[in-house]
Amino acid sequence: QEAFYEQSYITITYFSDDEYQQLHGKIKNCRL
């Protein structure tokens, strides 16, 4: 929520395809 409202760059670590992956960027939309 904080990164979305401030439009700050973040690094997200997420789990996909049975491994950890990272993505660096801005959150453009939050789909509840």
PDB file of all heavy atoms in Angstrom:
ATOM      1  N   GLN A   1       0.831  -1.203   0.000  1.00  0.00           N
ATOM      2  CA  GLN A   1       0.000   0.000   0.000  1.00  0.00           C
ATOM      3  C   GLN A   1       0.868   1.257   0.000  1.00  0.00           C
ATOM      4  O   GLN A   1       0.619   2.203  -0.764  1.00  0.00           O
ATOM      5  CB  GLN A   1      -0.915  -0.011   1.222  1.00  0.00           C
ATOM      6  CG  GLN A   1      -1.859   1.147   1.304  1.00  0.00           C
ATOM      7  CD  GLN A   1      -2.726   1.076   2.560  1.00  0.00           C
ATOM      8  OE1 GLN A   1      -2.436   0.336   3.486  1.00  0.00           O
ATOM      9  NE2 GLN A   1      -3.775   1.852   2.582  1.00  0.00           N
ATOM     10  N   GLU A   2       1.894   1.274   0.832  1.00  0.00           N
ATOM     11  CA  GLU A   2       2.785   2.427   0.918  1.00  0.00           C
ATOM     12  C   GLU A   2       3.517   2.663  -0.405  1.00  0.00           C
ATOM     13  O   GLU A   2       3.579   3.793  -0.898  1.00  0.00           O
ATOM     14  CB  GLU A   2       3.794   2.185   2.047  1.00  0.00           C
ATOM     15  CG  GLU A   2       4.721   3.337   2.308  1.00  0.00           C
ATOM     16  CD  GLU A   2       5.657   3.045   3.451  1.00  0.00           C
ATOM     17  OE1 GLU A   2       6.185   1.907   3.531  1.00  0.00           O
ATOM     18  OE2 GLU A   2       5.875   3.949   4.267  1.00  0.00           O
ATOM     19  N   ALA A   3       4.043   1.605  -1.019  1.00  0.00           N
ATOM     20  CA  ALA A   3       4.767   1.740  -2.290  1.00  0.00           C
ATOM     21  C   ALA A   3       3.824   2.180  -3.412  1.00  0.00           C
ATOM     22  O   ALA A   3       4.219   2.947  -4.290  1.00  0.00           O
ATOM     23  CB  ALA A   3       5.436   0.422  -2.646  1.00  0.00           C
ATOM     24  N   PHE A   4       2.578   1.727  -3.378  1.00  0.00           N
ATOM     25  CA  PHE A   4       1.603   2.097  -4.404  1.00  0.00           C
ATOM     26  C   PHE A   4       1.261   3.576  -4.324  1.00  0.00           C
ATOM     27  O   PHE A   4       1.269   4.289  -5.339  1.00  0.00           O
ATOM     28  CB  PHE A   4       0.351   1.237  -4.261  1.00  0.00           C
ATOM     29  CG  PHE A   4      -0.734   1.578  -5.243  1.00  0.00           C
ATOM     30  CD1 PHE A   4      -0.551   1.367  -6.601  1.00  0.00           C
ATOM     31  CD2 PHE A   4      -1.938   2.108  -4.820  1.00  0.00           C
ATOM     32  CE1 PHE A   4      -1.551   1.669  -7.518  1.00  0.00           C
ATOM     33  CE2 PHE A   4      -2.945   2.406  -5.719  1.00  0.00           C
ATOM     34  CZ  PHE A   4      -2.749   2.190  -7.066  1.00  0.00           C
ATOM     35  N   TYR A   5       0.989   4.073  -3.131  1.00  0.00           N
ATOM     36  CA  TYR A   5       0.601   5.474  -2.992  1.00  0.00           C
ATOM     37  C   TYR A   5       1.760   6.431  -3.195  1.00  0.00           C
ATOM     38  O   TYR A   5       1.582   7.522  -3.716  1.00  0.00           O
ATOM     39  CB  TYR A   5      -0.068   5.715  -1.641  1.00  0.00           C
ATOM     40  CG  TYR A   5      -1.457   5.140  -1.595  1.00  0.00           C
ATOM     41  CD1 TYR A   5      -1.781   4.131  -0.695  1.00  0.00           C
ATOM     42  CD2 TYR A   5      -2.454   5.580  -2.461  1.00  0.00           C
ATOM     43  CE1 TYR A   5      -3.066   3.590  -0.663  1.00  0.00           C
ATOM     44  CE2 TYR A   5      -3.722   5.047  -2.450  1.00  0.00           C
ATOM     45  CZ  TYR A   5      -4.025   4.055  -1.538  1.00  0.00           C
ATOM     46  OH  TYR A   5      -5.278   3.508  -1.521  1.00  0.00           O
ATOM     47  N   GLU A   6       2.965   6.027  -2.805  1.00  0.00           N
ATOM     48  CA  GLU A   6       4.131   6.894  -2.980  1.00  0.00           C
ATOM     49  C   GLU A   6       4.781   6.732  -4.352  1.00  0.00           C
ATOM     50  O   GLU A   6       5.662   7.506  -4.707  1.00  0.00           O
ATOM     51  CB  GLU A   6       5.166   6.606  -1.889  1.00  0.00           C
ATOM     52  CG  GLU A   6       4.698   7.000  -0.509  1.00  0.00           C
ATOM     53  CD  GLU A   6       5.732   6.673   0.561  1.00  0.00           C
ATOM     54  OE1 GLU A   6       6.832   6.190   0.211  1.00  0.00           O
ATOM     55  OE2 GLU A   6       5.432   6.908   1.732  1.00  0.00           O
ATOM     56  N   GLN A   7       4.357   5.706  -5.115  1.00  0.00           N
ATOM     57  CA  GLN A   7       4.937   5.389  -6.422  1.00  0.00           C
ATOM     58  C   GLN A   7       6.463   5.279  -6.342  1.00  0.00           C
ATOM     59  O   GLN A   7       7.197   5.780  -7.185  1.00  0.00           O
ATOM     60  CB  GLN A   7       4.523   6.429  -7.464  1.00  0.00           C
ATOM     61  CG  GLN A   7       3.097   6.257  -7.949  1.00  0.00           C
ATOM     62  CD  GLN A   7       2.908   4.917  -8.647  1.00  0.00           C
ATOM     63  OE1 GLN A   7       3.498   4.671  -9.678  1.00  0.00           O
ATOM     64  NE2 GLN A   7       2.095   4.042  -8.070  1.00  0.00           N
ATOM     65  N   SER A   8       6.923   4.571  -5.306  1.00  0.00           N
ATOM     66  CA  SER A   8       8.356   4.370  -5.127  1.00  0.00           C
ATOM     67  C   SER A   8       8.791   3.055  -5.756  1.00  0.00           C
ATOM     68  O   SER A   8       8.002   2.127  -5.911  1.00  0.00           O
ATOM     69  CB  SER A   8       8.704   4.389  -3.635  1.00  0.00           C
ATOM     70  OG  SER A   8       7.962   3.400  -2.956  1.00  0.00           O
ATOM     71  N   TYR A   9      10.065   3.002  -6.125  1.00  0.00           N
ATOM     72  CA  TYR A   9      10.630   1.768  -6.678  1.00  0.00           C
ATOM     73  C   TYR A   9      10.869   0.778  -5.550  1.00  0.00           C
ATOM     74  O   TYR A   9      11.384   1.144  -4.485  1.00  0.00           O
ATOM     75  CB  TYR A   9      11.943   2.044  -7.417  1.00  0.00           C
ATOM     76  CG  TYR A   9      11.737   2.641  -8.776  1.00  0.00           C
ATOM     77  CD1 TYR A   9      11.772   4.017  -8.975  1.00  0.00           C
ATOM     78  CD2 TYR A   9      11.501   1.817  -9.873  1.00  0.00           C
ATOM     79  CE1 TYR A   9      11.582   4.551 -10.234  1.00  0.00           C
ATOM     80  CE2 TYR A   9      11.302   2.343 -11.132  1.00  0.00           C
ATOM     81  CZ  TYR A   9      11.346   3.704 -11.303  1.00  0.00           C
ATOM     82  OH  TYR A   9      11.140   4.240 -12.549  1.00  0.00           O
ATOM     83  N   ILE A  10      10.501  -0.455  -5.798  1.00  0.00           N
ATOM     84  CA  ILE A  10      10.669  -1.512  -4.806  1.00  0.00           C
ATOM     85  C   ILE A  10      11.221  -2.759  -5.492  1.00  0.00           C
ATOM     86  O   ILE A  10      11.171  -2.894  -6.710  1.00  0.00           O
ATOM     87  CB  ILE A  10       9.342  -1.866  -4.101  1.00  0.00           C
ATOM     88  CG1 ILE A  10       8.284  -2.286  -5.126  1.00  0.00           C
ATOM     89  CG2 ILE A  10       8.852  -0.727  -3.241  1.00  0.00           C
ATOM     90  CD1 ILE A  10       7.022  -2.833  -4.511  1.00  0.00           C
ATOM     91  N   THR A  11      11.766  -3.660  -4.682  1.00  0.00           N
ATOM     92  CA  THR A  11      12.193  -4.962  -5.149  1.00  0.00           C
ATOM     93  C   THR A  11      11.308  -6.004  -4.486  1.00  0.00           C
ATOM     94  O   THR A  11      11.267  -6.087  -3.255  1.00  0.00           O
ATOM     95  CB  THR A  11      13.672  -5.225  -4.819  1.00  0.00           C
ATOM     96  OG1 THR A  11      14.473  -4.216  -5.439  1.00  0.00           O
ATOM     97  CG2 THR A  11      14.117  -6.585  -5.321  1.00  0.00           C
ATOM     98  N   ILE A  12      10.595  -6.762  -5.300  1.00  0.00           N
ATOM     99  CA  ILE A  12       9.662  -7.761  -4.789  1.00  0.00           C
ATOM    100  C   ILE A  12      10.279  -9.139  -4.982  1.00  0.00           C
ATOM    101  O   ILE A  12      10.703  -9.493  -6.089  1.00  0.00           O
ATOM    102  CB  ILE A  12       8.322  -7.704  -5.540  1.00  0.00           C
ATOM    103  CG1 ILE A  12       7.691  -6.334  -5.375  1.00  0.00           C
ATOM    104  CG2 ILE A  12       7.382  -8.791  -5.056  1.00  0.00           C
ATOM    105  CD1 ILE A  12       6.470  -6.123  -6.235  1.00  0.00           C
ATOM    106  N   THR A  13      10.348  -9.901  -3.907  1.00  0.00           N
ATOM    107  CA  THR A  13      10.747 -11.302  -3.991  1.00  0.00           C
ATOM    108  C   THR A  13       9.467 -12.118  -3.943  1.00  0.00           C
ATOM    109  O   THR A  13       8.673 -11.967  -3.020  1.00  0.00           O
ATOM    110  CB  THR A  13      11.665 -11.692  -2.819  1.00  0.00           C
ATOM    111  OG1 THR A  13      12.797 -10.818  -2.811  1.00  0.00           O
ATOM    112  CG2 THR A  13      12.129 -13.130  -2.948  1.00  0.00           C
ATOM    113  N   TYR A  14       9.281 -12.952  -4.945  1.00  0.00           N
ATOM    114  CA  TYR A  14       8.059 -13.751  -5.011  1.00  0.00           C
ATOM    115  C   TYR A  14       8.389 -15.181  -5.418  1.00  0.00           C
ATOM    116  O   TYR A  14       9.487 -15.478  -5.895  1.00  0.00           O
ATOM    117  CB  TYR A  14       7.030 -13.125  -5.953  1.00  0.00           C
ATOM    118  CG  TYR A  14       7.450 -13.026  -7.395  1.00  0.00           C
ATOM    119  CD1 TYR A  14       7.006 -13.941  -8.333  1.00  0.00           C
ATOM    120  CD2 TYR A  14       8.278 -11.994  -7.834  1.00  0.00           C
ATOM    121  CE1 TYR A  14       7.376 -13.850  -9.661  1.00  0.00           C
ATOM    122  CE2 TYR A  14       8.658 -11.898  -9.149  1.00  0.00           C
ATOM    123  CZ  TYR A  14       8.202 -12.829 -10.054  1.00  0.00           C
ATOM    124  OH  TYR A  14       8.583 -12.736 -11.366  1.00  0.00           O
ATOM    125  N   PHE A  15       7.428 -16.062  -5.201  1.00  0.00           N
ATOM    126  CA  PHE A  15       7.612 -17.489  -5.466  1.00  0.00           C
ATOM    127  C   PHE A  15       6.792 -17.867  -6.687  1.00  0.00           C
ATOM    128  O   PHE A  15       5.580 -17.717  -6.703  1.00  0.00           O
ATOM    129  CB  PHE A  15       7.164 -18.296  -4.248  1.00  0.00           C
ATOM    130  CG  PHE A  15       7.602 -19.723  -4.273  1.00  0.00           C
ATOM    131  CD1 PHE A  15       8.890 -20.061  -3.905  1.00  0.00           C
ATOM    132  CD2 PHE A  15       6.740 -20.720  -4.662  1.00  0.00           C
ATOM    133  CE1 PHE A  15       9.311 -21.374  -3.925  1.00  0.00           C
ATOM    134  CE2 PHE A  15       7.141 -22.041  -4.682  1.00  0.00           C
ATOM    135  CZ  PHE A  15       8.427 -22.370  -4.309  1.00  0.00           C
ATOM    136  N   SER A  16       7.474 -18.335  -7.733  1.00  0.00           N
ATOM    137  CA  SER A  16       6.790 -18.719  -8.959  1.00  0.00           C
ATOM    138  C   SER A  16       7.563 -19.844  -9.629  1.00  0.00           C
ATOM    139  O   SER A  16       8.798 -19.846  -9.630  1.00  0.00           O
ATOM    140  CB  SER A  16       6.707 -17.517  -9.893  1.00  0.00           C
ATOM    141  OG  SER A  16       6.083 -17.865 -11.100  1.00  0.00           O
ATOM    142  N   ASP A  17       6.854 -20.788 -10.193  1.00  0.00           N
ATOM    143  CA  ASP A  17       7.464 -21.923 -10.895  1.00  0.00           C
ATOM    144  C   ASP A  17       8.462 -22.665 -10.008  1.00  0.00           C
ATOM    145  O   ASP A  17       9.563 -23.014 -10.432  1.00  0.00           O
ATOM    146  CB  ASP A  17       8.156 -21.470 -12.187  1.00  0.00           C
ATOM    147  CG  ASP A  17       7.191 -20.853 -13.170  1.00  0.00           C
ATOM    148  OD1 ASP A  17       6.019 -21.302 -13.193  1.00  0.00           O
ATOM    149  OD2 ASP A  17       7.589 -19.932 -13.901  1.00  0.00           O
ATOM    150  N   ASP A  18       8.084 -22.874  -8.759  1.00  0.00           N
ATOM    151  CA  ASP A  18       8.879 -23.625  -7.786  1.00  0.00           C
ATOM    152  C   ASP A  18      10.251 -23.024  -7.509  1.00  0.00           C
ATOM    153  O   ASP A  18      11.203 -23.735  -7.194  1.00  0.00           O
ATOM    154  CB  ASP A  18       9.045 -25.083  -8.225  1.00  0.00           C
ATOM    155  CG  ASP A  18       7.725 -25.818  -8.255  1.00  0.00           C
ATOM    156  OD1 ASP A  18       6.872 -25.519  -7.402  1.00  0.00           O
ATOM    157  OD2 ASP A  18       7.542 -26.693  -9.119  1.00  0.00           O
ATOM    158  N   GLU A  19      10.379 -21.702  -7.642  1.00  0.00           N
ATOM    159  CA  GLU A  19      11.629 -21.047  -7.294  1.00  0.00           C
ATOM    160  C   GLU A  19      11.373 -19.586  -6.924  1.00  0.00           C
ATOM    161  O   GLU A  19      10.341 -19.017  -7.260  1.00  0.00           O
ATOM    162  CB  GLU A  19      12.645 -21.141  -8.427  1.00  0.00           C
ATOM    163  CG  GLU A  19      12.242 -20.428  -9.696  1.00  0.00           C
ATOM    164  CD  GLU A  19      13.252 -20.608 -10.812  1.00  0.00           C
ATOM    165  OE1 GLU A  19      14.129 -21.478 -10.697  1.00  0.00           O
ATOM    166  OE2 GLU A  19      13.160 -19.873 -11.788  1.00  0.00           O
ATOM    167  N   TYR A  20      12.340 -19.003  -6.232  1.00  0.00           N
ATOM    168  CA  TYR A  20      12.251 -17.596  -5.854  1.00  0.00           C
ATOM    169  C   TYR A  20      12.658 -16.740  -7.038  1.00  0.00           C
ATOM    170  O   TYR A  20      13.606 -17.052  -7.746  1.00  0.00           O
ATOM    171  CB  TYR A  20      13.175 -17.288  -4.675  1.00  0.00           C
ATOM    172  CG  TYR A  20      12.772 -17.972  -3.404  1.00  0.00           C
ATOM    173  CD1 TYR A  20      13.391 -19.137  -2.991  1.00  0.00           C
ATOM    174  CD2 TYR A  20      11.764 -17.450  -2.605  1.00  0.00           C
ATOM    175  CE1 TYR A  20      13.017 -19.769  -1.824  1.00  0.00           C
ATOM    176  CE2 TYR A  20      11.381 -18.069  -1.431  1.00  0.00           C
ATOM    177  CZ  TYR A  20      12.017 -19.229  -1.047  1.00  0.00           C
ATOM    178  OH  TYR A  20      11.647 -19.852   0.108  1.00  0.00           O
ATOM    179  N   GLN A  21      11.932 -15.639  -7.237  1.00  0.00           N
ATOM    180  CA  GLN A  21      12.261 -14.706  -8.299  1.00  0.00           C
ATOM    181  C   GLN A  21      12.168 -13.296  -7.742  1.00  0.00           C
ATOM    182  O   GLN A  21      11.457 -13.052  -6.769  1.00  0.00           O
ATOM    183  CB  GLN A  21      11.316 -14.890  -9.484  1.00  0.00           C
ATOM    184  CG  GLN A  21      11.398 -16.275 -10.066  1.00  0.00           C
ATOM    185  CD  GLN A  21      10.604 -16.421 -11.338  1.00  0.00           C
ATOM    186  OE1 GLN A  21      10.276 -15.452 -12.009  1.00  0.00           O
ATOM    187  NE2 GLN A  21      10.307 -17.656 -11.689  1.00  0.00           N
ATOM    188  N   GLN A  22      12.886 -12.369  -8.373  1.00  0.00           N
ATOM    189  CA  GLN A  22      12.854 -10.972  -7.940  1.00  0.00           C
ATOM    190  C   GLN A  22      12.467 -10.081  -9.101  1.00  0.00           C
ATOM    191  O   GLN A  22      12.779 -10.367 -10.261  1.00  0.00           O
ATOM    192  CB  GLN A  22      14.212 -10.547  -7.396  1.00  0.00           C
ATOM    193  CG  GLN A  22      14.486 -11.068  -6.017  1.00  0.00           C
ATOM    194  CD  GLN A  22      15.671 -10.372  -5.381  1.00  0.00           C
ATOM    195  OE1 GLN A  22      16.556  -9.876  -6.067  1.00  0.00           O
ATOM    196  NE2 GLN A  22      15.685 -10.340  -4.060  1.00  0.00           N
ATOM    197  N   LEU A  23      11.791  -8.990  -8.748  1.00  0.00           N
ATOM    198  CA  LEU A  23      11.353  -8.011  -9.735  1.00  0.00           C
ATOM    199  C   LEU A  23      11.528  -6.629  -9.132  1.00  0.00           C
ATOM    200  O   LEU A  23      11.117  -6.389  -7.990  1.00  0.00           O
ATOM    201  CB  LEU A  23       9.884  -8.275 -10.101  1.00  0.00           C
ATOM    202  CG  LEU A  23       9.269  -7.395 -11.169  1.00  0.00           C
ATOM    203  CD1 LEU A  23       9.949  -7.660 -12.515  1.00  0.00           C
ATOM    204  CD2 LEU A  23       7.790  -7.681 -11.283  1.00  0.00           C
ATOM    205  N   HIS A  24      12.139  -5.730  -9.880  1.00  0.00           N
ATOM    206  CA  HIS A  24      12.365  -4.359  -9.415  1.00  0.00           C
ATOM    207  C   HIS A  24      11.527  -3.431 -10.278  1.00  0.00           C
ATOM    208  O   HIS A  24      11.598  -3.470 -11.505  1.00  0.00           O
ATOM    209  CB  HIS A  24      13.848  -4.001  -9.524  1.00  0.00           C
ATOM    210  CG  HIS A  24      14.166  -2.637  -9.008  1.00  0.00           C
ATOM    211  ND1 HIS A  24      14.172  -2.343  -7.668  1.00  0.00           N
ATOM    212  CD2 HIS A  24      14.447  -1.492  -9.654  1.00  0.00           C
ATOM    213  CE1 HIS A  24      14.474  -1.066  -7.524  1.00  0.00           C
ATOM    214  NE2 HIS A  24      14.641  -0.528  -8.707  1.00  0.00           N
ATOM    215  N   GLY A  25      10.709  -2.617  -9.630  1.00  0.00           N
ATOM    216  CA  GLY A  25       9.882  -1.683 -10.380  1.00  0.00           C
ATOM    217  C   GLY A  25       8.904  -0.943  -9.492  1.00  0.00           C
ATOM    218  O   GLY A  25       9.057  -0.898  -8.271  1.00  0.00           O
ATOM    219  N   LYS A  26       7.880  -0.351 -10.121  1.00  0.00           N
ATOM    220  CA  LYS A  26       6.839   0.404  -9.421  1.00  0.00           C
ATOM    221  C   LYS A  26       5.515  -0.346  -9.520  1.00  0.00           C
ATOM    222  O   LYS A  26       5.209  -0.934 -10.556  1.00  0.00           O
ATOM    223  CB  LYS A  26       6.635   1.784 -10.056  1.00  0.00           C
ATOM    224  CG  LYS A  26       7.706   2.775  -9.787  1.00  0.00           C
ATOM    225  CD  LYS A  26       7.299   4.109 -10.408  1.00  0.00           C
ATOM    226  CE  LYS A  26       8.359   5.148 -10.176  1.00  0.00           C
ATOM    227  NZ  LYS A  26       7.957   6.444 -10.732  1.00  0.00           N
ATOM    228  N   ILE A  27       4.726  -0.269  -8.462  1.00  0.00           N
ATOM    229  CA  ILE A  27       3.395  -0.861  -8.488  1.00  0.00           C
ATOM    230  C   ILE A  27       2.474   0.110  -9.223  1.00  0.00           C
ATOM    231  O   ILE A  27       2.286   1.244  -8.804  1.00  0.00           O
ATOM    232  CB  ILE A  27       2.875  -1.135  -7.062  1.00  0.00           C
ATOM    233  CG1 ILE A  27       3.783  -2.133  -6.368  1.00  0.00           C
ATOM    234  CG2 ILE A  27       1.439  -1.647  -7.106  1.00  0.00           C
ATOM    235  CD1 ILE A  27       3.415  -2.400  -4.915  1.00  0.00           C
ATOM    236  N   LYS A  28       1.925  -0.341 -10.339  1.00  0.00           N
ATOM    237  CA  LYS A  28       1.050   0.503 -11.147  1.00  0.00           C
ATOM    238  C   LYS A  28      -0.418   0.319 -10.813  1.00  0.00           C
ATOM    239  O   LYS A  28      -1.208   1.228 -10.985  1.00  0.00           O
ATOM    240  CB  LYS A  28       1.269   0.218 -12.643  1.00  0.00           C
ATOM    241  CG  LYS A  28       2.600   0.692 -13.138  1.00  0.00           C
ATOM    242  CD  LYS A  28       2.692   2.189 -13.013  1.00  0.00           C
ATOM    243  CE  LYS A  28       4.029   2.692 -13.490  1.00  0.00           C
ATOM    244  NZ  LYS A  28       4.224   4.097 -13.199  1.00  0.00           N
ATOM    245  N   ASN A  29      -0.799  -0.873 -10.366  1.00  0.00           N
ATOM    246  CA  ASN A  29      -2.195  -1.134 -10.068  1.00  0.00           C
ATOM    247  C   ASN A  29      -2.281  -2.203  -8.995  1.00  0.00           C
ATOM    248  O   ASN A  29      -1.471  -3.120  -8.957  1.00  0.00           O
ATOM    249  CB  ASN A  29      -2.937  -1.577 -11.326  1.00  0.00           C
ATOM    250  CG  ASN A  29      -4.430  -1.504 -11.173  1.00  0.00           C
ATOM    251  OD1 ASN A  29      -4.945  -1.077 -10.149  1.00  0.00           O
ATOM    252  ND2 ASN A  29      -5.147  -1.922 -12.204  1.00  0.00           N
ATOM    253  N   CYS A  30      -3.276  -2.060  -8.155  1.00  0.00           N
ATOM    254  CA  CYS A  30      -3.523  -3.038  -7.107  1.00  0.00           C
ATOM    255  C   CYS A  30      -4.915  -3.611  -7.340  1.00  0.00           C
ATOM    256  O   CYS A  30      -5.906  -2.907  -7.187  1.00  0.00           O
ATOM    257  CB  CYS A  30      -3.413  -2.358  -5.747  1.00  0.00           C
ATOM    258  SG  CYS A  30      -3.285  -3.477  -4.382  1.00  0.00           S
ATOM    259  N   ARG A  31      -5.010  -4.866  -7.756  1.00  0.00           N
ATOM    260  CA  ARG A  31      -6.279  -5.499  -8.111  1.00  0.00           C
ATOM    261  C   ARG A  31      -6.777  -6.334  -6.935  1.00  0.00           C
ATOM    262  O   ARG A  31      -6.341  -7.467  -6.745  1.00  0.00           O
ATOM    263  CB  ARG A  31      -6.107  -6.398  -9.337  1.00  0.00           C
ATOM    264  CG  ARG A  31      -5.565  -5.741 -10.581  1.00  0.00           C
ATOM    265  CD  ARG A  31      -6.625  -5.147 -11.463  1.00  0.00           C
ATOM    266  NE  ARG A  31      -7.798  -5.978 -11.620  1.00  0.00           N
ATOM    267  CZ  ARG A  31      -8.017  -6.775 -12.644  1.00  0.00           C
ATOM    268  NH1 ARG A  31      -7.125  -6.895 -13.608  1.00  0.00           N
ATOM    269  NH2 ARG A  31      -9.140  -7.475 -12.714  1.00  0.00           N
ATOM    270  N   LEU A  32      -7.670  -5.761  -6.152  1.00  0.00           N
ATOM    271  CA  LEU A  32      -8.197  -6.466  -4.991  1.00  0.00           C
ATOM    272  C   LEU A  32      -9.154  -7.582  -5.373  1.00  0.00           C
ATOM    273  O   LEU A  32      -9.284  -8.557  -4.637  1.00  0.00           O
ATOM    274  CB  LEU A  32      -8.880  -5.482  -4.043  1.00  0.00           C
ATOM    275  CG  LEU A  32      -7.974  -4.408  -3.440  1.00  0.00           C
ATOM    276  CD1 LEU A  32      -8.788  -3.454  -2.582  1.00  0.00           C
ATOM    277  CD2 LEU A  32      -6.861  -5.028  -2.637  1.00  0.00           C
TER     278      LEU A  32
END
